């Protein structure tokens, strides 16, 4: 009977030690997570302050972009009228011949081929 009691006590002690180790490990992980969150919170606040500084400039850019976008149909119409009045390019032959003439390959002669004709 005393052996069973001793083994039960040892099992309970091992279980408590395992749980203590697990809680210590989880606590250290949570501490690292908290540190990273604190650093990221500082980064977010810096980004937010930078965004507040450039917001008026962005609003001006958006207004300018809206003005340009509104003018695009008118500009497109002007471009169409200009293209209608332009002279077309002269037609080129279907196959362009180089100024130096056609180049004859000597590959066929090298292998002994002589075309008929």
PDB file of N, CA and C in Angstrom:
ATOM      1  N   UNK A   1       0.797  -1.185   0.000  1.00  0.00           N
ATOM      2  CA  UNK A   1       0.000   0.000   0.000  1.00  0.00           C
ATOM      3  C   UNK A   1       0.845   1.257   0.000  1.00  0.00           C
ATOM      4  N   UNK A   2       1.942   1.249   0.718  1.00  0.00           N
ATOM      5  CA  UNK A   2       2.795   2.434   0.753  1.00  0.00           C
ATOM      6  C   UNK A   2       3.463   2.676  -0.594  1.00  0.00           C
ATOM      7  N   UNK A   3       3.730   1.611  -1.339  1.00  0.00           N
ATOM      8  CA  UNK A   3       4.315   1.771  -2.681  1.00  0.00           C
ATOM      9  C   UNK A   3       3.336   2.505  -3.597  1.00  0.00           C
ATOM     10  N   UNK A   4       2.050   2.173  -3.520  1.00  0.00           N
ATOM     11  CA  UNK A   4       1.032   2.839  -4.341  1.00  0.00           C
ATOM     12  C   UNK A   4       0.920   4.316  -3.972  1.00  0.00           C
ATOM     13  N   UNK A   5       1.010   4.625  -2.719  1.00  0.00           N
ATOM     14  CA  UNK A   5       0.929   6.013  -2.264  1.00  0.00           C
ATOM     15  C   UNK A   5       2.126   6.791  -2.788  1.00  0.00           C
ATOM     16  N   UNK A   6       3.290   6.214  -2.673  1.00  0.00           N
ATOM     17  CA  UNK A   6       4.511   6.886  -3.146  1.00  0.00           C
ATOM     18  C   UNK A   6       4.438   7.117  -4.653  1.00  0.00           C
ATOM     19  N   UNK A   7       4.026   6.099  -5.391  1.00  0.00           N
ATOM     20  CA  UNK A   7       3.918   6.261  -6.847  1.00  0.00           C
ATOM     21  C   UNK A   7       2.855   7.281  -7.226  1.00  0.00           C
ATOM     22  N   UNK A   8       1.766   7.346  -6.516  1.00  0.00           N
ATOM     23  CA  UNK A   8       0.722   8.338  -6.772  1.00  0.00           C
ATOM     24  C   UNK A   8       1.246   9.743  -6.506  1.00  0.00           C
ATOM     25  N   UNK A   9       1.966   9.904  -5.418  1.00  0.00           N
ATOM     26  CA  UNK A   9       2.544  11.218  -5.096  1.00  0.00           C
ATOM     27  C   UNK A   9       3.545  11.618  -6.162  1.00  0.00           C
ATOM     28  N   UNK A  10       4.372  10.676  -6.602  1.00  0.00           N
ATOM     29  CA  UNK A  10       5.341  10.990  -7.662  1.00  0.00           C
ATOM     30  C   UNK A  10       4.640  11.355  -8.970  1.00  0.00           C
ATOM     31  N   UNK A  11       3.553  10.685  -9.289  1.00  0.00           N
ATOM     32  CA  UNK A  11       2.799  11.002 -10.513  1.00  0.00           C
ATOM     33  C   UNK A  11       2.196  12.398 -10.427  1.00  0.00           C
ATOM     34  N   UNK A  12       1.652  12.737  -9.268  1.00  0.00           N
ATOM     35  CA  UNK A  12       1.064  14.072  -9.077  1.00  0.00           C
ATOM     36  C   UNK A  12       2.154  15.135  -9.157  1.00  0.00           C
ATOM     37  N   UNK A  13       3.302  14.876  -8.553  1.00  0.00           N
ATOM     38  CA  UNK A  13       4.425  15.833  -8.603  1.00  0.00           C
ATOM     39  C   UNK A  13       4.902  16.007 -10.044  1.00  0.00           C
ATOM     40  N   UNK A  14       5.002  14.912 -10.801  1.00  0.00           N
ATOM     41  CA  UNK A  14       5.431  14.999 -12.208  1.00  0.00           C
ATOM     42  C   UNK A  14       4.416  15.782 -13.031  1.00  0.00           C
ATOM     43  N   UNK A  15       3.122  15.544 -12.761  1.00  0.00           N
ATOM     44  CA  UNK A  15       2.081  16.276 -13.474  1.00  0.00           C
ATOM     45  C   UNK A  15       2.150  17.764 -13.162  1.00  0.00           C
ATOM     46  N   UNK A  16       2.327  18.107 -11.897  1.00  0.00           N
ATOM     47  CA  UNK A  16       2.424  19.522 -11.506  1.00  0.00           C
ATOM     48  C   UNK A  16       3.673  20.151 -12.114  1.00  0.00           C
ATOM     49  N   UNK A  17       4.798  19.419 -12.137  1.00  0.00           N
ATOM     50  CA  UNK A  17       6.029  19.950 -12.742  1.00  0.00           C
ATOM     51  C   UNK A  17       5.841  20.177 -14.242  1.00  0.00           C
ATOM     52  N   UNK A  18       5.178  19.226 -14.914  1.00  0.00           N
ATOM     53  CA  UNK A  18       4.919  19.387 -16.346  1.00  0.00           C
ATOM     54  C   UNK A  18       4.035  20.583 -16.625  1.00  0.00           C
ATOM     55  N   UNK A  19       2.990  20.756 -15.837  1.00  0.00           N
ATOM     56  CA  UNK A  19       2.105  21.908 -16.003  1.00  0.00           C
ATOM     57  C   UNK A  19       2.841  23.219 -15.720  1.00  0.00           C
ATOM     58  N   UNK A  20       3.720  23.218 -14.715  1.00  0.00           N
ATOM     59  CA  UNK A  20       4.484  24.429 -14.396  1.00  0.00           C
ATOM     60  C   UNK A  20       5.412  24.787 -15.558  1.00  0.00           C
ATOM     61  N   UNK A  21       6.085  23.785 -16.125  1.00  0.00           N
ATOM     62  CA  UNK A  21       6.953  24.044 -17.273  1.00  0.00           C
ATOM     63  C   UNK A  21       6.142  24.578 -18.449  1.00  0.00           C
ATOM     64  N   UNK A  22       4.967  23.971 -18.705  1.00  0.00           N
ATOM     65  CA  UNK A  22       4.115  24.410 -19.816  1.00  0.00           C
ATOM     66  C   UNK A  22       3.669  25.857 -19.606  1.00  0.00           C
ATOM     67  N   UNK A  23       3.251  26.186 -18.391  1.00  0.00           N
ATOM     68  CA  UNK A  23       2.811  27.560 -18.121  1.00  0.00           C
ATOM     69  C   UNK A  23       3.964  28.551 -18.252  1.00  0.00           C
ATOM     70  N   UNK A  24       5.159  28.161 -17.823  1.00  0.00           N
ATOM     71  CA  UNK A  24       6.321  29.036 -17.994  1.00  0.00           C
ATOM     72  C   UNK A  24       6.599  29.278 -19.473  1.00  0.00           C
ATOM     73  N   UNK A  25       6.529  28.226 -20.275  1.00  0.00           N
ATOM     74  CA  UNK A  25       6.786  28.337 -21.720  1.00  0.00           C
ATOM     75  C   UNK A  25       5.738  29.228 -22.396  1.00  0.00           C
ATOM     76  N   UNK A  26       4.467  29.027 -22.071  1.00  0.00           N
ATOM     77  CA  UNK A  26       3.393  29.849 -22.641  1.00  0.00           C
ATOM     78  C   UNK A  26       3.557  31.302 -22.201  1.00  0.00           C
ATOM     79  N   UNK A  27       3.946  31.519 -20.963  1.00  0.00           N
ATOM     80  CA  UNK A  27       4.158  32.886 -20.471  1.00  0.00           C
ATOM     81  C   UNK A  27       5.270  33.595 -21.227  1.00  0.00           C
ATOM     82  N   UNK A  28       6.362  32.876 -21.518  1.00  0.00           N
ATOM     83  CA  UNK A  28       7.457  33.512 -22.262  1.00  0.00           C
ATOM     84  C   UNK A  28       7.027  33.830 -23.694  1.00  0.00           C
ATOM     85  N   UNK A  29       6.243  32.942 -24.308  1.00  0.00           N
ATOM     86  CA  UNK A  29       5.734  33.231 -25.656  1.00  0.00           C
ATOM     87  C   UNK A  29       4.819  34.455 -25.653  1.00  0.00           C
ATOM     88  N   UNK A  30       3.945  34.536 -24.663  1.00  0.00           N
ATOM     89  CA  UNK A  30       3.043  35.678 -24.588  1.00  0.00           C
ATOM     90  C   UNK A  30       3.801  36.980 -24.314  1.00  0.00           C
ATOM     91  N   UNK A  31       4.884  36.901 -23.567  1.00  0.00           N
ATOM     92  CA  UNK A  31       5.701  38.094 -23.327  1.00  0.00           C
ATOM     93  C   UNK A  31       6.318  38.585 -24.632  1.00  0.00           C
ATOM     94  N   UNK A  32       6.816  37.649 -25.456  1.00  0.00           N
ATOM     95  CA  UNK A  32       7.383  38.040 -26.753  1.00  0.00           C
ATOM     96  C   UNK A  32       6.322  38.641 -27.664  1.00  0.00           C
ATOM     97  N   UNK A  33       5.131  38.057 -27.655  1.00  0.00           N
ATOM     98  CA  UNK A  33       4.041  38.587 -28.479  1.00  0.00           C
ATOM     99  C   UNK A  33       3.676  39.996 -28.023  1.00  0.00           C
ATOM    100  N   UNK A  34       3.602  40.208 -26.714  1.00  0.00           N
ATOM    101  CA  UNK A  34       3.268  41.529 -26.186  1.00  0.00           C
ATOM    102  C   UNK A  34       4.320  42.554 -26.576  1.00  0.00           C
ATOM    103  N   UNK A  35       5.589  42.167 -26.543  1.00  0.00           N
ATOM    104  CA  UNK A  35       6.662  43.078 -26.944  1.00  0.00           C
ATOM    105  C   UNK A  35       6.540  43.445 -28.411  1.00  0.00           C
ATOM    106  N   UNK A  36       6.275  42.454 -29.271  1.00  0.00           N
ATOM    107  CA  UNK A  36       6.123  42.729 -30.699  1.00  0.00           C
ATOM    108  C   UNK A  36       4.910  43.621 -30.971  1.00  0.00           C
ATOM    109  N   UNK A  37       3.820  43.385 -30.247  1.00  0.00           N
ATOM    110  CA  UNK A  37       2.635  44.219 -30.427  1.00  0.00           C
ATOM    111  C   UNK A  37       2.891  45.656 -30.000  1.00  0.00           C
ATOM    112  N   UNK A  38       3.658  45.834 -28.946  1.00  0.00           N
ATOM    113  CA  UNK A  38       3.977  47.184 -28.485  1.00  0.00           C
ATOM    114  C   UNK A  38       4.821  47.917 -29.527  1.00  0.00           C
ATOM    115  N   UNK A  39       5.806  47.208 -30.103  1.00  0.00           N
ATOM    116  CA  UNK A  39       6.637  47.820 -31.141  1.00  0.00           C
ATOM    117  C   UNK A  39       5.809  48.146 -32.376  1.00  0.00           C
ATOM    118  N   UNK A  40       4.900  47.261 -32.755  1.00  0.00           N
ATOM    119  CA  UNK A  40       4.079  47.534 -33.932  1.00  0.00           C
ATOM    120  C   UNK A  40       3.102  48.671 -33.661  1.00  0.00           C
ATOM    121  N   UNK A  41       2.649  48.810 -32.438  1.00  0.00           N
ATOM    122  CA  UNK A  41       1.770  49.920 -32.086  1.00  0.00           C
ATOM    123  C   UNK A  41       2.497  51.252 -32.251  1.00  0.00           C
ATOM    124  N   UNK A  42       3.765  51.288 -31.860  1.00  0.00           N
ATOM    125  CA  UNK A  42       4.558  52.501 -32.050  1.00  0.00           C
ATOM    126  C   UNK A  42       4.740  52.801 -33.529  1.00  0.00           C
ATOM    127  N   UNK A  43       4.959  51.774 -34.340  1.00  0.00           N
ATOM    128  CA  UNK A  43       5.116  51.970 -35.782  1.00  0.00           C
ATOM    129  C   UNK A  43       3.827  52.493 -36.405  1.00  0.00           C
ATOM    130  N   UNK A  44       2.701  51.956 -35.967  1.00  0.00           N
ATOM    131  CA  UNK A  44       1.417  52.403 -36.503  1.00  0.00           C
ATOM    132  C   UNK A  44       1.165  53.858 -36.139  1.00  0.00           C
ATOM    133  N   UNK A  45       1.504  54.256 -34.928  1.00  0.00           N
ATOM    134  CA  UNK A  45       1.292  55.660 -34.540  1.00  0.00           C
ATOM    135  C   UNK A  45       2.203  56.586 -35.349  1.00  0.00           C
ATOM    136  N   UNK A  46       3.444  56.153 -35.659  1.00  0.00           N
ATOM    137  CA  UNK A  46       4.319  56.969 -36.512  1.00  0.00           C
ATOM    138  C   UNK A  46       3.757  57.087 -37.923  1.00  0.00           C
ATOM    139  N   UNK A  47       3.262  55.988 -38.464  1.00  0.00           N
ATOM    140  CA  UNK A  47       2.676  56.018 -39.814  1.00  0.00           C
ATOM    141  C   UNK A  47       1.448  56.912 -39.827  1.00  0.00           C
ATOM    142  N   UNK A  48       0.639  56.848 -38.785  1.00  0.00           N
ATOM    143  CA  UNK A  48      -0.560  57.680 -38.713  1.00  0.00           C
ATOM    144  C   UNK A  48      -0.196  59.158 -38.670  1.00  0.00           C
ATOM    145  N   UNK A  49       0.839  59.521 -37.920  1.00  0.00           N
ATOM    146  CA  UNK A  49       1.244  60.937 -37.873  1.00  0.00           C
ATOM    147  C   UNK A  49       1.805  61.386 -39.220  1.00  0.00           C
ATOM    148  N   UNK A  50       2.532  60.510 -39.920  1.00  0.00           N
ATOM    149  CA  UNK A  50       3.026  60.858 -41.258  1.00  0.00           C
ATOM    150  C   UNK A  50       1.873  61.023 -42.242  1.00  0.00           C
ATOM    151  N   UNK A  51       0.859  60.176 -42.127  1.00  0.00           N
ATOM    152  CA  UNK A  51      -0.287  60.257 -43.028  1.00  0.00           C
ATOM    153  C   UNK A  51      -1.062  61.552 -42.816  1.00  0.00           C
ATOM    154  N   UNK A  52      -1.149  62.002 -41.565  1.00  0.00           N
ATOM    155  CA  UNK A  52      -1.837  63.268 -41.297  1.00  0.00           C
ATOM    156  C   UNK A  52      -1.122  64.440 -41.966  1.00  0.00           C
ATOM    157  N   UNK A  53       0.205  64.352 -42.063  1.00  0.00           N
ATOM    158  CA  UNK A  53       0.970  65.447 -42.673  1.00  0.00           C
ATOM    159  C   UNK A  53       0.774  65.507 -44.182  1.00  0.00           C
ATOM    160  N   UNK A  54       0.594  64.355 -44.837  1.00  0.00           N
ATOM    161  CA  UNK A  54       0.505  64.363 -46.298  1.00  0.00           C
ATOM    162  C   UNK A  54      -0.935  64.362 -46.802  1.00  0.00           C
ATOM    163  N   UNK A  55      -1.906  64.295 -45.907  1.00  0.00           N
ATOM    164  CA  UNK A  55      -3.306  64.230 -46.336  1.00  0.00           C
ATOM    165  C   UNK A  55      -3.737  65.443 -47.159  1.00  0.00           C
ATOM    166  N   UNK A  56      -3.385  66.700 -46.787  1.00  0.00           N
ATOM    167  CA  UNK A  56      -3.800  67.831 -47.622  1.00  0.00           C
ATOM    168  C   UNK A  56      -3.226  67.757 -49.048  1.00  0.00           C
ATOM    169  N   UNK A  57      -1.992  67.304 -49.171  1.00  0.00           N
ATOM    170  CA  UNK A  57      -1.398  67.164 -50.501  1.00  0.00           C
ATOM    171  C   UNK A  57      -2.117  66.113 -51.320  1.00  0.00           C
ATOM    172  N   UNK A  58      -2.522  65.012 -50.691  1.00  0.00           N
ATOM    173  CA  UNK A  58      -3.257  63.969 -51.404  1.00  0.00           C
ATOM    174  C   UNK A  58      -4.615  64.470 -51.875  1.00  0.00           C
ATOM    175  N   UNK A  59      -5.269  65.291 -51.052  1.00  0.00           N
ATOM    176  CA  UNK A  59      -6.555  65.843 -51.467  1.00  0.00           C
ATOM    177  C   UNK A  59      -6.379  66.740 -52.689  1.00  0.00           C
ATOM    178  N   UNK A  60      -5.290  67.507 -52.725  1.00  0.00           N
ATOM    179  CA  UNK A  60      -5.018  68.361 -53.887  1.00  0.00           C
ATOM    180  C   UNK A  60      -4.747  67.514 -55.130  1.00  0.00           C
ATOM    181  N   UNK A  61      -3.985  66.442 -54.967  1.00  0.00           N
ATOM    182  CA  UNK A  61      -3.691  65.549 -56.098  1.00  0.00           C
ATOM    183  C   UNK A  61      -4.978  64.914 -56.614  1.00  0.00           C
ATOM    184  N   UNK A  62      -5.859  64.503 -55.713  1.00  0.00           N
ATOM    185  CA  UNK A  62      -7.122  63.897 -56.134  1.00  0.00           C
ATOM    186  C   UNK A  62      -7.999  64.901 -56.888  1.00  0.00           C
ATOM    187  N   UNK A  63      -8.012  66.152 -56.433  1.00  0.00           N
ATOM    188  CA  UNK A  63      -8.789  67.173 -57.155  1.00  0.00           C
ATOM    189  C   UNK A  63      -8.211  67.399 -58.546  1.00  0.00           C
ATOM    190  N   UNK A  64      -6.879  67.462 -58.645  1.00  0.00           N
ATOM    191  CA  UNK A  64      -6.241  67.650 -59.949  1.00  0.00           C
ATOM    192  C   UNK A  64      -6.504  66.464 -60.860  1.00  0.00           C
ATOM    193  N   UNK A  65      -6.447  65.268 -60.316  1.00  0.00           N
ATOM    194  CA  UNK A  65      -6.729  64.078 -61.109  1.00  0.00           C
ATOM    195  C   UNK A  65      -8.154  64.061 -61.617  1.00  0.00           C
ATOM    196  N   UNK A  66      -9.092  64.511 -60.808  1.00  0.00           N
ATOM    197  CA  UNK A  66     -10.486  64.569 -61.240  1.00  0.00           C
ATOM    198  C   UNK A  66     -10.655  65.574 -62.369  1.00  0.00           C
ATOM    199  N   UNK A  67      -9.927  66.690 -62.308  1.00  0.00           N
ATOM    200  CA  UNK A  67     -10.000  67.685 -63.384  1.00  0.00           C
ATOM    201  C   UNK A  67      -9.462  67.106 -64.679  1.00  0.00           C
ATOM    202  N   UNK A  68      -8.339  66.424 -64.605  1.00  0.00           N
ATOM    203  CA  UNK A  68      -7.752  65.817 -65.806  1.00  0.00           C
ATOM    204  C   UNK A  68      -8.669  64.733 -66.353  1.00  0.00           C
ATOM    205  N   UNK A  69      -9.228  63.915 -65.483  1.00  0.00           N
ATOM    206  CA  UNK A  69     -10.127  62.853 -65.938  1.00  0.00           C
ATOM    207  C   UNK A  69     -11.363  63.437 -66.608  1.00  0.00           C
ATOM    208  N   UNK A  70     -11.832  64.570 -66.112  1.00  0.00           N
ATOM    209  CA  UNK A  70     -12.981  65.220 -66.744  1.00  0.00           C
ATOM    210  C   UNK A  70     -12.646  65.778 -68.116  1.00  0.00           C
ATOM    211  N   UNK A  71     -11.388  66.162 -68.331  1.00  0.00           N
ATOM    212  CA  UNK A  71     -10.985  66.739 -69.610  1.00  0.00           C
ATOM    213  C   UNK A  71     -10.632  65.687 -70.649  1.00  0.00           C
ATOM    214  N   UNK A  72     -10.469  64.452 -70.262  1.00  0.00           N
ATOM    215  CA  UNK A  72     -10.046  63.413 -71.205  1.00  0.00           C
ATOM    216  C   UNK A  72     -10.997  63.221 -72.389  1.00  0.00           C
ATOM    217  N   UNK A  73     -12.318  63.194 -72.203  1.00  0.00           N
ATOM    218  CA  UNK A  73     -13.177  63.047 -73.391  1.00  0.00           C
ATOM    219  C   UNK A  73     -13.004  64.178 -74.398  1.00  0.00           C
ATOM    220  N   UNK A  74     -12.840  65.402 -73.910  1.00  0.00           N
ATOM    221  CA  UNK A  74     -12.629  66.539 -74.807  1.00  0.00           C
ATOM    222  C   UNK A  74     -11.303  66.398 -75.544  1.00  0.00           C
ATOM    223  N   UNK A  75     -10.249  66.015 -74.829  1.00  0.00           N
ATOM    224  CA  UNK A  75      -8.951  65.821 -75.465  1.00  0.00           C
ATOM    225  C   UNK A  75      -8.996  64.688 -76.482  1.00  0.00           C
ATOM    226  N   UNK A  76      -9.741  63.643 -76.170  1.00  0.00           N
ATOM    227  CA  UNK A  76      -9.879  62.523 -77.094  1.00  0.00           C
ATOM    228  C   UNK A  76     -10.575  62.974 -78.373  1.00  0.00           C
ATOM    229  N   UNK A  77     -11.601  63.810 -78.243  1.00  0.00           N
ATOM    230  CA  UNK A  77     -12.294  64.342 -79.419  1.00  0.00           C
ATOM    231  C   UNK A  77     -11.362  65.189 -80.274  1.00  0.00           C
ATOM    232  N   UNK A  78     -10.553  66.045 -79.647  1.00  0.00           N
ATOM    233  CA  UNK A  78      -9.578  66.851 -80.404  1.00  0.00           C
ATOM    234  C   UNK A  78      -8.603  65.957 -81.150  1.00  0.00           C
ATOM    235  N   UNK A  79      -8.137  64.903 -80.503  1.00  0.00           N
ATOM    236  CA  UNK A  79      -7.185  63.995 -81.143  1.00  0.00           C
ATOM    237  C   UNK A  79      -7.829  63.298 -82.338  1.00  0.00           C
ATOM    238  N   UNK A  80      -9.090  62.902 -82.217  1.00  0.00           N
ATOM    239  CA  UNK A  80      -9.787  62.271 -83.342  1.00  0.00           C
ATOM    240  C   UNK A  80      -9.875  63.224 -84.525  1.00  0.00           C
ATOM    241  N   UNK A  81     -10.172  64.515 -84.274  1.00  0.00           N
ATOM    242  CA  UNK A  81     -10.253  65.490 -85.366  1.00  0.00           C
ATOM    243  C   UNK A  81      -8.895  65.711 -86.021  1.00  0.00           C
ATOM    244  N   UNK A  82      -7.833  65.687 -85.247  1.00  0.00           N
ATOM    245  CA  UNK A  82      -6.495  65.860 -85.805  1.00  0.00           C
ATOM    246  C   UNK A  82      -6.139  64.684 -86.684  1.00  0.00           C
ATOM    247  N   UNK A  83      -6.448  63.480 -86.258  1.00  0.00           N
ATOM    248  CA  UNK A  83      -6.112  62.275 -87.022  1.00  0.00           C
ATOM    249  C   UNK A  83      -6.903  62.232 -88.325  1.00  0.00           C
ATOM    250  N   UNK A  84      -8.161  62.691 -88.313  1.00  0.00           N
ATOM    251  CA  UNK A  84      -8.964  62.682 -89.532  1.00  0.00           C
ATOM    252  C   UNK A  84      -8.338  63.553 -90.618  1.00  0.00           C
ATOM    253  N   UNK A  85      -7.730  64.666 -90.224  1.00  0.00           N
ATOM    254  CA  UNK A  85      -7.142  65.577 -91.205  1.00  0.00           C
ATOM    255  C   UNK A  85      -5.725  65.224 -91.617  1.00  0.00           C
ATOM    256  N   UNK A  86      -5.122  64.250 -90.997  1.00  0.00           N
ATOM    257  CA  UNK A  86      -3.733  63.901 -91.321  1.00  0.00           C
ATOM    258  C   UNK A  86      -3.677  63.106 -92.620  1.00  0.00           C
ATOM    259  N   UNK A  87      -2.573  63.257 -93.335  1.00  0.00           N
ATOM    260  CA  UNK A  87      -2.414  62.479 -94.573  1.00  0.00           C
ATOM    261  C   UNK A  87      -1.961  61.080 -94.217  1.00  0.00           C
ATOM    262  N   UNK A  88      -2.494  60.072 -94.900  1.00  0.00           N
ATOM    263  CA  UNK A  88      -2.089  58.701 -94.585  1.00  0.00           C
ATOM    264  C   UNK A  88      -0.692  58.406 -95.106  1.00  0.00           C
ATOM    265  N   UNK A  89      -0.093  57.379 -94.568  1.00  0.00           N
ATOM    266  CA  UNK A  89       1.230  56.944 -95.009  1.00  0.00           C
ATOM    267  C   UNK A  89       1.109  56.291 -96.389  1.00  0.00           C
ATOM    268  N   UNK A  90       2.084  56.496 -97.267  1.00  0.00           N
ATOM    269  CA  UNK A  90       2.016  55.810 -98.562  1.00  0.00           C
ATOM    270  C   UNK A  90       2.108  54.296 -98.352  1.00  0.00           C
ATOM    271  N   UNK A  91       1.460  53.561 -99.253  1.00  0.00           N
ATOM    272  CA  UNK A  91       1.467  52.108 -99.123  1.00  0.00           C
ATOM    273  C   UNK A  91       2.847  51.553 -99.435  1.00  0.00           C
ATOM    274  N   UNK A  92       3.248  50.598 -98.655  1.00  0.00           N
ATOM    275  CA  UNK A  92       4.525  49.932 -98.867  1.00  0.00           C
ATOM    276  C   UNK A  92       4.249  48.609 -99.563  1.00  0.00           C
ATOM    277  N   UNK A  93       5.242  48.101-100.275  1.00  0.00           N
ATOM    278  CA  UNK A  93       5.030  46.793-100.891  1.00  0.00           C
ATOM    279  C   UNK A  93       4.806  45.726 -99.823  1.00  0.00           C
ATOM    280  N   UNK A  94       4.141  44.664-100.217  1.00  0.00           N
ATOM    281  CA  UNK A  94       3.812  43.607 -99.263  1.00  0.00           C
ATOM    282  C   UNK A  94       5.065  42.992 -98.654  1.00  0.00           C
ATOM    283  N   UNK A  95       6.110  42.818 -99.477  1.00  0.00           N
ATOM    284  CA  UNK A  95       7.371  42.275 -98.984  1.00  0.00           C
ATOM    285  C   UNK A  95       8.447  43.309 -99.250  1.00  0.00           C
ATOM    286  N   UNK A  96       9.057  43.800 -98.207  1.00  0.00           N
ATOM    287  CA  UNK A  96      10.096  44.808 -98.364  1.00  0.00           C
ATOM    288  C   UNK A  96      11.404  44.138 -98.776  1.00  0.00           C
ATOM    289  N   UNK A  97      12.087  44.741 -99.757  1.00  0.00           N
ATOM    290  CA  UNK A  97      13.360  44.216-100.231  1.00  0.00           C
ATOM    291  C   UNK A  97      14.463  45.100 -99.664  1.00  0.00           C
ATOM    292  N   UNK A  98      15.486  44.530 -99.060  1.00  0.00           N
ATOM    293  CA  UNK A  98      16.568  45.353 -98.532  1.00  0.00           C
ATOM    294  C   UNK A  98      17.297  46.092 -99.644  1.00  0.00           C
ATOM    295  N   UNK A  99      17.889  47.230 -99.309  1.00  0.00           N
ATOM    296  CA  UNK A  99      18.596  48.041-100.298  1.00  0.00           C
ATOM    297  C   UNK A  99      19.781  47.291-100.892  1.00  0.00           C
ATOM    298  N   UNK A 100      20.359  46.375-100.151  1.00  0.00           N
ATOM    299  CA  UNK A 100      21.517  45.631-100.652  1.00  0.00           C
ATOM    300  C   UNK A 100      21.101  44.475-101.550  1.00  0.00           C
ATOM    301  N   UNK A 101      19.806  44.279-101.740  1.00  0.00           N
ATOM    302  CA  UNK A 101      19.343  43.177-102.568  1.00  0.00           C
ATOM    303  C   UNK A 101      19.090  41.945-101.732  1.00  0.00           C
ATOM    304  N   UNK A 102      18.670  40.880-102.367  1.00  0.00           N
ATOM    305  CA  UNK A 102      18.381  39.645-101.642  1.00  0.00           C
ATOM    306  C   UNK A 102      19.679  38.897-101.368  1.00  0.00           C
ATOM    307  N   UNK A 103      19.793  38.363-100.221  1.00  0.00           N
ATOM    308  CA  UNK A 103      20.984  37.633 -99.829  1.00  0.00           C
ATOM    309  C   UNK A 103      20.801  36.168-100.184  1.00  0.00           C
ATOM    310  N   UNK A 104      21.768  35.630-100.846  1.00  0.00           N
ATOM    311  CA  UNK A 104      21.712  34.218-101.226  1.00  0.00           C
ATOM    312  C   UNK A 104      22.453  33.390-100.186  1.00  0.00           C
ATOM    313  N   UNK A 105      21.821  32.361 -99.737  1.00  0.00           N
ATOM    314  CA  UNK A 105      22.436  31.489 -98.760  1.00  0.00           C
ATOM    315  C   UNK A 105      23.346  30.497 -99.473  1.00  0.00           C
ATOM    316  N   UNK A 106      24.502  30.252 -98.898  1.00  0.00           N
ATOM    317  CA  UNK A 106      25.442  29.281 -99.463  1.00  0.00           C
ATOM    318  C   UNK A 106      25.358  27.950 -98.743  1.00  0.00           C
ATOM    319  N   UNK A 107      24.388  27.826 -97.850  1.00  0.00           N
ATOM    320  CA  UNK A 107      24.249  26.603 -97.085  1.00  0.00           C
ATOM    321  C   UNK A 107      23.925  25.419 -97.995  1.00  0.00           C
ATOM    322  N   UNK A 108      23.071  25.644 -98.996  1.00  0.00           N
ATOM    323  CA  UNK A 108      22.705  24.550 -99.889  1.00  0.00           C
ATOM    324  C   UNK A 108      23.916  24.093-100.706  1.00  0.00           C
ATOM    325  N   UNK A 109      24.713  25.045-101.172  1.00  0.00           N
ATOM    326  CA  UNK A 109      25.909  24.693-101.954  1.00  0.00           C
ATOM    327  C   UNK A 109      26.894  23.911-101.099  1.00  0.00           C
ATOM    328  N   UNK A 110      26.958  24.215 -99.810  1.00  0.00           N
ATOM    329  CA  UNK A 110      27.913  23.562 -98.924  1.00  0.00           C
ATOM    330  C   UNK A 110      27.596  22.080 -98.764  1.00  0.00           C
ATOM    331  N   UNK A 111      26.348  21.703 -98.886  1.00  0.00           N
ATOM    332  CA  UNK A 111      25.992  20.299 -98.730  1.00  0.00           C
ATOM    333  C   UNK A 111      25.809  19.609-100.091  1.00  0.00           C
ATOM    334  N   UNK A 112      26.082  20.340-101.192  1.00  0.00           N
ATOM    335  CA  UNK A 112      26.012  19.729-102.502  1.00  0.00           C
ATOM    336  C   UNK A 112      24.674  19.783-103.172  1.00  0.00           C
ATOM    337  N   UNK A 113      23.761  20.603-102.688  1.00  0.00           N
ATOM    338  CA  UNK A 113      22.424  20.692-103.293  1.00  0.00           C
ATOM    339  C   UNK A 113      22.445  21.755-104.386  1.00  0.00           C
ATOM    340  N   UNK A 114      21.970  21.415-105.556  1.00  0.00           N
ATOM    341  CA  UNK A 114      21.851  22.357-106.662  1.00  0.00           C
ATOM    342  C   UNK A 114      20.388  22.376-107.104  1.00  0.00           C
ATOM    343  N   UNK A 115      19.663  23.479-106.891  1.00  0.00           N
ATOM    344  CA  UNK A 115      18.261  23.503-107.299  1.00  0.00           C
ATOM    345  C   UNK A 115      18.140  23.505-108.813  1.00  0.00           C
ATOM    346  N   UNK A 116      17.072  22.909-109.306  1.00  0.00           N
ATOM    347  CA  UNK A 116      16.777  22.912-110.749  1.00  0.00           C
ATOM    348  C   UNK A 116      16.214  24.257-111.133  1.00  0.00           C
ATOM    349  N   UNK A 117      16.675  24.783-112.237  1.00  0.00           N
ATOM    350  CA  UNK A 117      16.051  26.003-112.722  1.00  0.00           C
ATOM    351  C   UNK A 117      16.907  27.151-112.743  1.00  0.00           C
TER     352      UNK A 117
END
